[in-house]
Amino acid sequence: MSENNKIGTYKFVAEPFHVDFTGRLTMGVLGN
């Protein structure tokens, strides 16, 4: 249960970061 909770927390924290990272990456590519 502890392991599953860790994964759930990781996804909860990583998802917004992943979206922001890909968004910045796309903006950087379009900018150049």
C-alpha atoms as a PDB file:
ATOM      1  CA  MET A   1       0.000   0.000   0.000  1.00  0.00           C
ATOM      2  CA  SER A   2       2.857   2.354   0.789  1.00  0.00           C
ATOM      3  CA  GLU A   3       4.431   1.716  -2.605  1.00  0.00           C
ATOM      4  CA  ASN A   4       1.153   2.310  -4.422  1.00  0.00           C
ATOM      5  CA  ASN A   5       0.621   5.557  -2.511  1.00  0.00           C
ATOM      6  CA  LYS A   6       4.121   6.713  -3.499  1.00  0.00           C
ATOM      7  CA  ILE A   7       3.375   6.090  -7.170  1.00  0.00           C
ATOM      8  CA  GLY A   8       0.073   7.959  -6.894  1.00  0.00           C
ATOM      9  CA  THR A   9       1.840  10.924  -5.299  1.00  0.00           C
ATOM     10  CA  TYR A  10       4.536  10.850  -7.980  1.00  0.00           C
ATOM     11  CA  LYS A  11       1.956  10.973 -10.773  1.00  0.00           C
ATOM     12  CA  PHE A  12       0.078  13.766  -9.004  1.00  0.00           C
ATOM     13  CA  VAL A  13       3.278  15.832  -8.819  1.00  0.00           C
ATOM     14  CA  ALA A  14       4.806  14.803 -12.161  1.00  0.00           C
ATOM     15  CA  GLU A  15       1.769  15.235 -14.429  1.00  0.00           C
ATOM     16  CA  PRO A  16       1.513  19.073 -14.145  1.00  0.00           C
ATOM     17  CA  PHE A  17       5.307  19.306 -14.465  1.00  0.00           C
ATOM     18  CA  HIS A  18       5.271  17.128 -17.574  1.00  0.00           C
ATOM     19  CA  VAL A  19       2.574  19.272 -19.164  1.00  0.00           C
ATOM     20  CA  ASP A  20       4.472  22.451 -18.276  1.00  0.00           C
ATOM     21  CA  PHE A  21       7.740  20.963 -19.557  1.00  0.00           C
ATOM     22  CA  THR A  22       6.267  19.884 -22.902  1.00  0.00           C
ATOM     23  CA  GLY A  23       4.496  23.232 -23.167  1.00  0.00           C
ATOM     24  CA  ARG A  24       7.747  25.118 -22.622  1.00  0.00           C
ATOM     25  CA  LEU A  25       9.549  22.775 -25.018  1.00  0.00           C
ATOM     26  CA  THR A  26       6.941  23.404 -27.723  1.00  0.00           C
ATOM     27  CA  MET A  27       7.065  27.148 -27.111  1.00  0.00           C
ATOM     28  CA  GLY A  28      10.854  27.057 -27.382  1.00  0.00           C
ATOM     29  CA  VAL A  29      10.738  25.158 -30.678  1.00  0.00           C
ATOM     30  CA  LEU A  30       8.091  27.471 -32.135  1.00  0.00           C
ATOM     31  CA  GLY A  31      10.041  30.480 -30.848  1.00  0.00           C
ATOM     32  CA  ASN A  32      13.129  29.346 -32.719  1.00  0.00           C
END
